[in-house]
Amino acid sequence: MELIILTGMSGAGKSQACDFFEDQGFFCIDNLPPMILPELAKTFFKGQGGEGYGIEKLAFVVDIRSKELLKGFGEAKKKIEKEIGCPYRIIFLEANDQVLVSRYRQTRRKHPLAKDLSLSEAIAQERKLLSGIRGTATNVIDTSMMAIPALREELGALIEDDQNTGMSVFIESFGFKYGLPVDCDNVIDVRFLPNPYYIDDLKPMSGQDQGVIDYLESFDETEKYIKKQFGLMNYLIPLYIREGKGRLHIGIGCTGGRHRSVYIAERLNKYLMRKGYKTRLHHRDLDKDPRYAKEKG
């Protein structure tokens, strides 16, 4: 049975994620007290008399609405692991405070903890209460700058990773000005490379455009760096596989996430594909800078 425990911050997209899992054939149970997770998993996994109920995909949603019962989450995990032996994945949806406040104000919904607290205080308390669960999550997805289609794509990639054998590599370019991806295993900073942003003709382009590619490749340090960095990845990835890691998330950042990081991410993706690794490439901040949007205008 494929078991997913979906949790995270209120307003981070759990409802949309739950809808996605239902579309993928998962039987979803929302707002579930953690203490009854093992019994339900056992019921669906084995069924009465050792006969299953035909449910092969199961998703539990656990969140702050069960705040008095969150203390049982750790014990529930142990029982699932020891008594049932069913593999599972914990997906934690995250978003920064500013985005969460904005979403609540737009939807005019009330935060579960906001009865005697301001919205900002409720979010801070929720983050504190969920910190332990977040630390045990298999995957942390930051939805702060993620539209629903992008969230569905990310969740789909996680399911695909579970279904396929071998480790997959998720390569993500980003801009440091927009914050670090929260679930990266490796973060690579390429801000030392010459910045095409300061060349007027290259400014509106991206690391996918030939003009930017030619500019970056005109510097000796670019190829020297790529040789060293890619060589390190070639050494490390087999070691991650040896340790049983199912998915490796590599974040590559520059200032705005449009030129240098995109170029290096594209190069790394092609390099690893040639090596035979399963890869997925995502440019998180390629279209986020409003200055470029105006210029395209």
C-alpha atoms as a PDB file:
ATOM      1  CA  MET A   1       0.000   0.000   0.000  1.00  0.00           C
ATOM      2  CA  GLU A   2       1.149   3.535  -0.780  1.00  0.00           C
ATOM      3  CA  LEU A   3       0.700   5.667   2.352  1.00  0.00           C
ATOM      4  CA  ILE A   4       1.105   9.443   2.557  1.00  0.00           C
ATOM      5  CA  ILE A   5       0.770  11.591   5.692  1.00  0.00           C
ATOM      6  CA  LEU A   6       0.047  15.157   4.578  1.00  0.00           C
ATOM      7  CA  THR A   7       0.610  17.934   7.086  1.00  0.00           C
ATOM      8  CA  GLY A   8       1.937  21.475   7.354  1.00  0.00           C
ATOM      9  CA  MET A   9       0.982  25.073   7.982  1.00  0.00           C
ATOM     10  CA  SER A  10      -2.629  26.194   7.720  1.00  0.00           C
ATOM     11  CA  GLY A  11      -2.993  28.102   4.464  1.00  0.00           C
ATOM     12  CA  ALA A  12      -0.003  26.410   2.820  1.00  0.00           C
ATOM     13  CA  GLY A  13      -2.121  24.392   0.381  1.00  0.00           C
ATOM     14  CA  LYS A  14      -3.118  21.147   2.091  1.00  0.00           C
ATOM     15  CA  SER A  15      -6.658  21.265   0.649  1.00  0.00           C
ATOM     16  CA  GLN A  16      -5.308  21.636  -2.881  1.00  0.00           C
ATOM     17  CA  ALA A  17      -2.788  18.848  -2.235  1.00  0.00           C
ATOM     18  CA  CYS A  18      -5.552  16.602  -0.892  1.00  0.00           C
ATOM     19  CA  ASP A  19      -7.616  17.272  -4.029  1.00  0.00           C
ATOM     20  CA  PHE A  20      -4.612  16.294  -6.153  1.00  0.00           C
ATOM     21  CA  PHE A  21      -4.113  13.021  -4.304  1.00  0.00           C
ATOM     22  CA  GLU A  22      -7.796  12.169  -4.718  1.00  0.00           C
ATOM     23  CA  ASP A  23      -7.435  12.801  -8.450  1.00  0.00           C
ATOM     24  CA  GLN A  24      -4.537  10.339  -8.426  1.00  0.00           C
ATOM     25  CA  GLY A  25      -6.669   7.595  -6.904  1.00  0.00           C
ATOM     26  CA  PHE A  26      -5.771   8.053  -3.219  1.00  0.00           C
ATOM     27  CA  PHE A  27      -8.364   7.455  -0.515  1.00  0.00           C
ATOM     28  CA  CYS A  28      -8.001  10.651   1.556  1.00  0.00           C
ATOM     29  CA  ILE A  29      -9.038  11.141   5.178  1.00  0.00           C
ATOM     30  CA  ASP A  30      -8.907  14.755   6.377  1.00  0.00           C
ATOM     31  CA  ASN A  31      -8.393  16.199   9.883  1.00  0.00           C
ATOM     32  CA  LEU A  32      -7.355  12.924  11.451  1.00  0.00           C
ATOM     33  CA  PRO A  33      -6.139  12.612  15.074  1.00  0.00           C
ATOM     34  CA  PRO A  34      -2.628  11.081  14.842  1.00  0.00           C
ATOM     35  CA  MET A  35      -3.311   8.513  17.571  1.00  0.00           C
ATOM     36  CA  ILE A  36      -5.683   6.577  15.324  1.00  0.00           C
ATOM     37  CA  LEU A  37      -3.381   6.552  12.281  1.00  0.00           C
ATOM     38  CA  PRO A  38      -1.901   3.088  13.011  1.00  0.00           C
ATOM     39  CA  GLU A  39      -5.269   1.391  13.457  1.00  0.00           C
ATOM     40  CA  LEU A  40      -6.670   2.874  10.266  1.00  0.00           C
ATOM     41  CA  ALA A  41      -3.510   2.023   8.337  1.00  0.00           C
ATOM     42  CA  LYS A  42      -3.650  -1.534   9.705  1.00  0.00           C
ATOM     43  CA  THR A  43      -7.307  -1.833   8.716  1.00  0.00           C
ATOM     44  CA  PHE A  44      -6.728  -0.732   5.145  1.00  0.00           C
ATOM     45  CA  PHE A  45      -3.397  -2.540   4.849  1.00  0.00           C
ATOM     46  CA  LYS A  46      -4.493  -5.940   6.151  1.00  0.00           C
ATOM     47  CA  GLY A  47      -8.247  -5.754   6.576  1.00  0.00           C
ATOM     48  CA  GLN A  48     -10.262  -8.045   8.797  1.00  0.00           C
ATOM     49  CA  GLY A  49      -9.046 -11.631   8.814  1.00  0.00           C
ATOM     50  CA  GLY A  50      -5.954 -10.642   6.868  1.00  0.00           C
ATOM     51  CA  GLU A  51      -7.960  -9.622   3.805  1.00  0.00           C
ATOM     52  CA  GLY A  52      -7.435  -6.130   2.479  1.00  0.00           C
ATOM     53  CA  TYR A  53     -10.157  -3.729   1.381  1.00  0.00           C
ATOM     54  CA  GLY A  54      -8.661  -3.120  -2.043  1.00  0.00           C
ATOM     55  CA  ILE A  55      -7.325   0.339  -1.142  1.00  0.00           C
ATOM     56  CA  GLU A  56      -3.751   0.580  -2.371  1.00  0.00           C
ATOM     57  CA  LYS A  57      -3.317   4.358  -2.054  1.00  0.00           C
ATOM     58  CA  LEU A  58      -4.090   6.054   1.237  1.00  0.00           C
ATOM     59  CA  ALA A  59      -3.507   9.661   2.346  1.00  0.00           C
ATOM     60  CA  PHE A  60      -4.034  11.011   5.868  1.00  0.00           C
ATOM     61  CA  VAL A  61      -4.241  14.766   6.522  1.00  0.00           C
ATOM     62  CA  VAL A  62      -2.990  15.818   9.966  1.00  0.00           C
ATOM     63  CA  ASP A  63      -2.864  19.482  10.954  1.00  0.00           C
ATOM     64  CA  ILE A  64      -3.254  22.001  13.741  1.00  0.00           C
ATOM     65  CA  ARG A  65      -7.008  21.399  13.994  1.00  0.00           C
ATOM     66  CA  SER A  66      -5.885  18.366  15.997  1.00  0.00           C
ATOM     67  CA  LYS A  67      -3.530  20.433  18.176  1.00  0.00           C
ATOM     68  CA  GLU A  68      -4.388  18.662  21.421  1.00  0.00           C
ATOM     69  CA  LEU A  69      -3.670  15.337  19.768  1.00  0.00           C
ATOM     70  CA  LEU A  70      -0.419  16.178  17.985  1.00  0.00           C
ATOM     71  CA  LYS A  71       1.545  14.736  20.883  1.00  0.00           C
ATOM     72  CA  GLY A  72       0.629  11.268  19.657  1.00  0.00           C
ATOM     73  CA  PHE A  73       2.210  11.757  16.234  1.00  0.00           C
ATOM     74  CA  GLY A  74       5.610  10.320  17.140  1.00  0.00           C
ATOM     75  CA  GLU A  75       4.121   7.227  18.748  1.00  0.00           C
ATOM     76  CA  ALA A  76       1.808   6.730  15.770  1.00  0.00           C
ATOM     77  CA  LYS A  77       4.800   6.735  13.424  1.00  0.00           C
ATOM     78  CA  LYS A  78       6.572   4.082  15.495  1.00  0.00           C
ATOM     79  CA  LYS A  79       3.523   1.816  15.433  1.00  0.00           C
ATOM     80  CA  ILE A  80       3.153   2.154  11.673  1.00  0.00           C
ATOM     81  CA  GLU A  81       6.818   1.254  11.229  1.00  0.00           C
ATOM     82  CA  LYS A  82       7.029  -1.607  13.738  1.00  0.00           C
ATOM     83  CA  GLU A  83       3.568  -3.168  13.888  1.00  0.00           C
ATOM     84  CA  ILE A  84       2.401  -2.703  10.316  1.00  0.00           C
ATOM     85  CA  GLY A  85       5.598  -2.469   8.325  1.00  0.00           C
ATOM     86  CA  CYS A  86       3.923  -0.215   5.773  1.00  0.00           C
ATOM     87  CA  PRO A  87       6.239   2.274   4.047  1.00  0.00           C
ATOM     88  CA  TYR A  88       5.029   5.854   4.211  1.00  0.00           C
ATOM     89  CA  ARG A  89       5.972   9.394   3.232  1.00  0.00           C
ATOM     90  CA  ILE A  90       5.399  12.532   5.327  1.00  0.00           C
ATOM     91  CA  ILE A  91       4.815  15.614   3.175  1.00  0.00           C
ATOM     92  CA  PHE A  92       4.957  18.942   5.016  1.00  0.00           C
ATOM     93  CA  LEU A  93       3.628  22.043   3.220  1.00  0.00           C
ATOM     94  CA  GLU A  94       5.317  25.273   4.239  1.00  0.00           C
ATOM     95  CA  ALA A  95       4.934  28.981   3.429  1.00  0.00           C
ATOM     96  CA  ASN A  96       6.425  32.141   4.885  1.00  0.00           C
ATOM     97  CA  ASP A  97       4.452  34.265   7.344  1.00  0.00           C
ATOM     98  CA  GLN A  98       3.823  37.136   4.935  1.00  0.00           C
ATOM     99  CA  VAL A  99       2.298  34.825   2.336  1.00  0.00           C
ATOM    100  CA  LEU A 100       0.144  33.033   4.920  1.00  0.00           C
ATOM    101  CA  VAL A 101      -1.200  36.344   6.256  1.00  0.00           C
ATOM    102  CA  SER A 102      -1.968  37.490   2.709  1.00  0.00           C
ATOM    103  CA  ARG A 103      -3.804  34.256   1.873  1.00  0.00           C
ATOM    104  CA  TYR A 104      -5.956  34.440   4.997  1.00  0.00           C
ATOM    105  CA  ARG A 105      -6.865  38.047   4.283  1.00  0.00           C
ATOM    106  CA  GLN A 106      -7.773  37.266   0.684  1.00  0.00           C
ATOM    107  CA  THR A 107      -9.970  34.283   1.562  1.00  0.00           C
ATOM    108  CA  ARG A 108     -11.326  35.902   4.772  1.00  0.00           C
ATOM    109  CA  ARG A 109     -11.026  32.553   6.512  1.00  0.00           C
ATOM    110  CA  LYS A 110     -10.200  32.307  10.204  1.00  0.00           C
ATOM    111  CA  HIS A 111      -6.998  30.659  11.389  1.00  0.00           C
ATOM    112  CA  PRO A 112      -7.670  27.640  13.669  1.00  0.00           C
ATOM    113  CA  LEU A 113      -5.640  29.216  16.501  1.00  0.00           C
ATOM    114  CA  ALA A 114      -6.825  32.810  16.058  1.00  0.00           C
ATOM    115  CA  LYS A 115      -9.627  32.644  18.626  1.00  0.00           C
ATOM    116  CA  ASP A 116      -7.713  34.620  21.281  1.00  0.00           C
ATOM    117  CA  LEU A 117      -4.687  35.619  19.184  1.00  0.00           C
ATOM    118  CA  SER A 118      -3.923  37.918  16.305  1.00  0.00           C
ATOM    119  CA  LEU A 119      -3.364  36.251  12.932  1.00  0.00           C
ATOM    120  CA  SER A 120       0.403  36.753  13.115  1.00  0.00           C
ATOM    121  CA  GLU A 121       0.531  35.332  16.648  1.00  0.00           C
ATOM    122  CA  ALA A 122      -1.586  32.340  15.610  1.00  0.00           C
ATOM    123  CA  ILE A 123       0.760  31.570  12.707  1.00  0.00           C
ATOM    124  CA  ALA A 124       3.796  31.846  14.990  1.00  0.00           C
ATOM    125  CA  GLN A 125       2.234  29.485  17.545  1.00  0.00           C
ATOM    126  CA  GLU A 126       1.256  26.997  14.853  1.00  0.00           C
ATOM    127  CA  ARG A 127       4.805  27.022  13.447  1.00  0.00           C
ATOM    128  CA  LYS A 128       6.139  26.262  16.925  1.00  0.00           C
ATOM    129  CA  LEU A 129       3.666  23.435  17.530  1.00  0.00           C
ATOM    130  CA  LEU A 130       4.447  21.821  14.174  1.00  0.00           C
ATOM    131  CA  SER A 131       8.237  22.183  14.390  1.00  0.00           C
ATOM    132  CA  GLY A 132       8.712  18.625  15.643  1.00  0.00           C
ATOM    133  CA  ILE A 133       6.632  17.099  12.860  1.00  0.00           C
ATOM    134  CA  ARG A 134       8.362  19.257  10.269  1.00  0.00           C
ATOM    135  CA  GLY A 135      11.715  17.923  11.427  1.00  0.00           C
ATOM    136  CA  THR A 136      10.649  14.349  10.668  1.00  0.00           C
ATOM    137  CA  ALA A 137       9.099  15.096   7.268  1.00  0.00           C
ATOM    138  CA  THR A 138      10.241  13.125   4.250  1.00  0.00           C
ATOM    139  CA  ASN A 139       9.622  16.156   2.039  1.00  0.00           C
ATOM    140  CA  VAL A 140       9.112  19.835   2.861  1.00  0.00           C
ATOM    141  CA  ILE A 141       7.497  21.846   0.059  1.00  0.00           C
ATOM    142  CA  ASP A 142       7.544  25.635   0.235  1.00  0.00           C
ATOM    143  CA  THR A 143       4.418  26.940  -1.506  1.00  0.00           C
ATOM    144  CA  SER A 144       5.150  30.634  -0.842  1.00  0.00           C
ATOM    145  CA  MET A 145       5.767  31.360  -4.533  1.00  0.00           C
ATOM    146  CA  MET A 146       4.024  28.312  -5.944  1.00  0.00           C
ATOM    147  CA  ALA A 147       0.791  28.401  -7.944  1.00  0.00           C
ATOM    148  CA  ILE A 148      -1.584  25.421  -7.741  1.00  0.00           C
ATOM    149  CA  PRO A 149      -0.400  23.883 -11.064  1.00  0.00           C
ATOM    150  CA  ALA A 150       3.202  24.014  -9.803  1.00  0.00           C
ATOM    151  CA  LEU A 151       2.190  22.375  -6.514  1.00  0.00           C
ATOM    152  CA  ARG A 152       0.406  19.597  -8.379  1.00  0.00           C
ATOM    153  CA  GLU A 153       3.470  19.102 -10.561  1.00  0.00           C
ATOM    154  CA  GLU A 154       5.729  18.871  -7.498  1.00  0.00           C
ATOM    155  CA  LEU A 155       3.445  16.363  -5.774  1.00  0.00           C
ATOM    156  CA  GLY A 156       3.211  14.365  -8.973  1.00  0.00           C
ATOM    157  CA  ALA A 157       6.998  14.160  -9.128  1.00  0.00           C
ATOM    158  CA  LEU A 158       7.076  12.792  -5.563  1.00  0.00           C
ATOM    159  CA  ILE A 159       4.569  10.081  -6.443  1.00  0.00           C
ATOM    160  CA  GLU A 160       6.547   9.208  -9.547  1.00  0.00           C
ATOM    161  CA  ASP A 161       9.708   8.920  -7.429  1.00  0.00           C
ATOM    162  CA  ASP A 162       7.932   6.423  -5.160  1.00  0.00           C
ATOM    163  CA  GLN A 163       6.730   4.332  -8.068  1.00  0.00           C
ATOM    164  CA  ASN A 164      10.072   4.177  -9.867  1.00  0.00           C
ATOM    165  CA  THR A 165      13.126   2.313  -8.699  1.00  0.00           C
ATOM    166  CA  GLY A 166      16.425   4.075  -8.147  1.00  0.00           C
ATOM    167  CA  MET A 167      17.153   7.608  -7.021  1.00  0.00           C
ATOM    168  CA  SER A 168      15.926  10.660  -8.913  1.00  0.00           C
ATOM    169  CA  VAL A 169      17.625  14.065  -8.934  1.00  0.00           C
ATOM    170  CA  PHE A 170      15.529  17.250  -8.669  1.00  0.00           C
ATOM    171  CA  ILE A 171      17.471  20.285  -9.926  1.00  0.00           C
ATOM    172  CA  GLU A 172      16.012  23.686  -9.046  1.00  0.00           C
ATOM    173  CA  SER A 173      17.347  27.111  -9.991  1.00  0.00           C
ATOM    174  CA  PHE A 174      16.360  29.979  -7.696  1.00  0.00           C
ATOM    175  CA  GLY A 175      17.125  33.561  -6.712  1.00  0.00           C
ATOM    176  CA  PHE A 176      18.620  34.241  -3.285  1.00  0.00           C
ATOM    177  CA  LYS A 177      16.612  37.492  -3.167  1.00  0.00           C
ATOM    178  CA  TYR A 178      13.459  35.359  -2.996  1.00  0.00           C
ATOM    179  CA  GLY A 179      14.755  33.007  -0.308  1.00  0.00           C
ATOM    180  CA  LEU A 180      16.282  29.545  -0.182  1.00  0.00           C
ATOM    181  CA  PRO A 181      14.243  26.482  -1.192  1.00  0.00           C
ATOM    182  CA  VAL A 182      13.443  24.939   2.180  1.00  0.00           C
ATOM    183  CA  ASP A 183      13.865  21.294   1.228  1.00  0.00           C
ATOM    184  CA  CYS A 184      17.215  21.324  -0.610  1.00  0.00           C
ATOM    185  CA  ASP A 185      19.768  18.615   0.138  1.00  0.00           C
ATOM    186  CA  ASN A 186      22.519  20.638  -1.557  1.00  0.00           C
ATOM    187  CA  VAL A 187      22.593  24.392  -2.200  1.00  0.00           C
ATOM    188  CA  ILE A 188      25.027  25.707  -4.822  1.00  0.00           C
ATOM    189  CA  ASP A 189      25.794  29.433  -4.951  1.00  0.00           C
ATOM    190  CA  VAL A 190      26.872  30.672  -8.409  1.00  0.00           C
ATOM    191  CA  ARG A 191      26.817  34.405  -7.654  1.00  0.00           C
ATOM    192  CA  PHE A 192      30.589  34.512  -8.164  1.00  0.00           C
ATOM    193  CA  LEU A 193      30.105  34.186 -11.946  1.00  0.00           C
ATOM    194  CA  PRO A 194      29.929  37.398 -14.032  1.00  0.00           C
ATOM    195  CA  ASN A 195      26.376  38.715 -13.982  1.00  0.00           C
ATOM    196  CA  PRO A 196      24.635  39.172 -17.363  1.00  0.00           C
ATOM    197  CA  TYR A 197      22.124  41.458 -15.638  1.00  0.00           C
ATOM    198  CA  TYR A 198      24.531  44.359 -16.026  1.00  0.00           C
ATOM    199  CA  ILE A 199      24.705  43.948 -19.815  1.00  0.00           C
ATOM    200  CA  ASP A 200      21.815  45.910 -21.330  1.00  0.00           C
ATOM    201  CA  ASP A 201      21.213  43.498 -24.211  1.00  0.00           C
ATOM    202  CA  LEU A 202      21.299  40.457 -21.913  1.00  0.00           C
ATOM    203  CA  LYS A 203      19.272  41.888 -19.041  1.00  0.00           C
ATOM    204  CA  PRO A 204      15.823  40.839 -20.396  1.00  0.00           C
ATOM    205  CA  MET A 205      17.101  37.386 -21.429  1.00  0.00           C
ATOM    206  CA  SER A 206      17.487  34.274 -19.291  1.00  0.00           C
ATOM    207  CA  GLY A 207      20.047  31.529 -18.826  1.00  0.00           C
ATOM    208  CA  GLN A 208      18.230  29.574 -21.519  1.00  0.00           C
ATOM    209  CA  ASP A 209      18.958  32.179 -24.204  1.00  0.00           C
ATOM    210  CA  GLN A 210      21.992  31.863 -26.435  1.00  0.00           C
ATOM    211  CA  GLY A 211      23.182  35.394 -25.733  1.00  0.00           C
ATOM    212  CA  VAL A 212      23.500  34.698 -21.999  1.00  0.00           C
ATOM    213  CA  ILE A 213      25.011  31.263 -22.678  1.00  0.00           C
ATOM    214  CA  ASP A 214      27.689  32.752 -24.950  1.00  0.00           C
ATOM    215  CA  TYR A 215      28.437  35.495 -22.410  1.00  0.00           C
ATOM    216  CA  LEU A 216      28.929  33.110 -19.485  1.00  0.00           C
ATOM    217  CA  GLU A 217      30.936  30.639 -21.532  1.00  0.00           C
ATOM    218  CA  SER A 218      33.302  33.393 -22.641  1.00  0.00           C
ATOM    219  CA  PHE A 219      34.856  33.358 -19.142  1.00  0.00           C
ATOM    220  CA  ASP A 220      37.422  30.690 -18.279  1.00  0.00           C
ATOM    221  CA  GLU A 221      36.142  30.384 -14.699  1.00  0.00           C
ATOM    222  CA  THR A 222      32.749  29.190 -15.943  1.00  0.00           C
ATOM    223  CA  GLU A 223      34.047  25.997 -17.546  1.00  0.00           C
ATOM    224  CA  LYS A 224      36.616  25.444 -14.796  1.00  0.00           C
ATOM    225  CA  TYR A 225      33.879  25.686 -12.183  1.00  0.00           C
ATOM    226  CA  ILE A 226      31.520  23.396 -14.094  1.00  0.00           C
ATOM    227  CA  LYS A 227      34.236  20.752 -14.399  1.00  0.00           C
ATOM    228  CA  LYS A 228      34.921  20.819 -10.654  1.00  0.00           C
ATOM    229  CA  GLN A 229      31.278  21.059  -9.494  1.00  0.00           C
ATOM    230  CA  PHE A 230      29.944  18.412 -11.850  1.00  0.00           C
ATOM    231  CA  GLY A 231      32.830  16.143 -10.953  1.00  0.00           C
ATOM    232  CA  LEU A 232      31.848  16.483  -7.290  1.00  0.00           C
ATOM    233  CA  MET A 233      28.228  15.601  -8.115  1.00  0.00           C
ATOM    234  CA  ASN A 234      29.422  12.597 -10.099  1.00  0.00           C
ATOM    235  CA  TYR A 235      31.289  11.441  -6.995  1.00  0.00           C
ATOM    236  CA  LEU A 236      28.523  12.150  -4.470  1.00  0.00           C
ATOM    237  CA  ILE A 237      25.427  10.797  -6.213  1.00  0.00           C
ATOM    238  CA  PRO A 238      26.497   7.112  -6.138  1.00  0.00           C
ATOM    239  CA  LEU A 239      27.145   7.546  -2.405  1.00  0.00           C
ATOM    240  CA  TYR A 240      23.624   8.928  -1.877  1.00  0.00           C
ATOM    241  CA  ILE A 241      22.259   5.944  -3.810  1.00  0.00           C
ATOM    242  CA  ARG A 242      24.321   3.572  -1.673  1.00  0.00           C
ATOM    243  CA  GLU A 243      22.715   5.051   1.454  1.00  0.00           C
ATOM    244  CA  GLY A 244      19.249   4.394   0.045  1.00  0.00           C
ATOM    245  CA  LYS A 245      18.193   7.978  -0.712  1.00  0.00           C
ATOM    246  CA  GLY A 246      15.205   8.044  -3.044  1.00  0.00           C
ATOM    247  CA  ARG A 247      15.359  11.667  -4.174  1.00  0.00           C
ATOM    248  CA  LEU A 248      18.166  14.229  -4.202  1.00  0.00           C
ATOM    249  CA  HIS A 249      17.191  17.913  -4.335  1.00  0.00           C
ATOM    250  CA  ILE A 250      19.912  20.233  -5.656  1.00  0.00           C
ATOM    251  CA  GLY A 251      19.291  23.989  -5.475  1.00  0.00           C
ATOM    252  CA  ILE A 252      21.347  26.324  -7.666  1.00  0.00           C
ATOM    253  CA  GLY A 253      21.083  30.001  -6.806  1.00  0.00           C
ATOM    254  CA  CYS A 254      22.138  33.377  -8.139  1.00  0.00           C
ATOM    255  CA  THR A 255      20.827  36.819  -7.209  1.00  0.00           C
ATOM    256  CA  GLY A 256      17.543  36.864  -9.122  1.00  0.00           C
ATOM    257  CA  GLY A 257      17.252  33.269 -10.299  1.00  0.00           C
ATOM    258  CA  ARG A 258      17.111  34.241 -13.965  1.00  0.00           C
ATOM    259  CA  HIS A 259      20.549  34.156 -15.589  1.00  0.00           C
ATOM    260  CA  ARG A 260      23.462  32.324 -13.973  1.00  0.00           C
ATOM    261  CA  SER A 261      21.543  29.788 -11.879  1.00  0.00           C
ATOM    262  CA  VAL A 262      19.305  28.882 -14.817  1.00  0.00           C
ATOM    263  CA  TYR A 263      22.327  28.343 -17.078  1.00  0.00           C
ATOM    264  CA  ILE A 264      24.171  26.138 -14.558  1.00  0.00           C
ATOM    265  CA  ALA A 265      20.997  24.173 -13.761  1.00  0.00           C
ATOM    266  CA  GLU A 266      20.432  23.490 -17.459  1.00  0.00           C
ATOM    267  CA  ARG A 267      24.031  22.329 -17.852  1.00  0.00           C
ATOM    268  CA  LEU A 268      23.880  20.088 -14.758  1.00  0.00           C
ATOM    269  CA  ASN A 269      20.602  18.547 -15.888  1.00  0.00           C
ATOM    270  CA  LYS A 270      22.044  17.620 -19.288  1.00  0.00           C
ATOM    271  CA  TYR A 271      25.214  16.280 -17.675  1.00  0.00           C
ATOM    272  CA  LEU A 272      23.364  14.000 -15.259  1.00  0.00           C
ATOM    273  CA  MET A 273      20.973  12.805 -17.952  1.00  0.00           C
ATOM    274  CA  ARG A 274      23.958  11.749 -20.053  1.00  0.00           C
ATOM    275  CA  LYS A 275      25.197   9.842 -17.010  1.00  0.00           C
ATOM    276  CA  GLY A 276      21.921   7.915 -16.971  1.00  0.00           C
ATOM    277  CA  TYR A 277      20.317   9.505 -13.894  1.00  0.00           C
ATOM    278  CA  LYS A 278      16.600  10.290 -13.660  1.00  0.00           C
ATOM    279  CA  THR A 279      16.335  14.061 -13.395  1.00  0.00           C
ATOM    280  CA  ARG A 280      13.698  16.746 -13.141  1.00  0.00           C
ATOM    281  CA  LEU A 281      14.495  20.406 -13.798  1.00  0.00           C
ATOM    282  CA  HIS A 282      12.570  23.359 -12.358  1.00  0.00           C
ATOM    283  CA  HIS A 283      13.340  27.094 -12.634  1.00  0.00           C
ATOM    284  CA  ARG A 284      11.577  28.500  -9.585  1.00  0.00           C
ATOM    285  CA  ASP A 285      12.114  32.220 -10.079  1.00  0.00           C
ATOM    286  CA  LEU A 286      12.604  32.555 -13.828  1.00  0.00           C
ATOM    287  CA  ASP A 287       9.552  34.781 -14.312  1.00  0.00           C
ATOM    288  CA  LYS A 288       9.212  36.382 -10.894  1.00  0.00           C
ATOM    289  CA  ASP A 289      11.204  39.592 -11.264  1.00  0.00           C
ATOM    290  CA  PRO A 290       8.666  42.367 -12.071  1.00  0.00           C
ATOM    291  CA  ARG A 291      11.393  44.410 -13.791  1.00  0.00           C
ATOM    292  CA  TYR A 292      11.597  41.869 -16.590  1.00  0.00           C
ATOM    293  CA  ALA A 293       7.834  41.571 -16.844  1.00  0.00           C
ATOM    294  CA  LYS A 294       7.633  45.321 -17.476  1.00  0.00           C
ATOM    295  CA  GLU A 295      10.332  45.166 -20.114  1.00  0.00           C
ATOM    296  CA  LYS A 296       8.545  42.343 -21.907  1.00  0.00           C
ATOM    297  CA  GLY A 297       5.394  44.303 -21.555  1.00  0.00           C
END
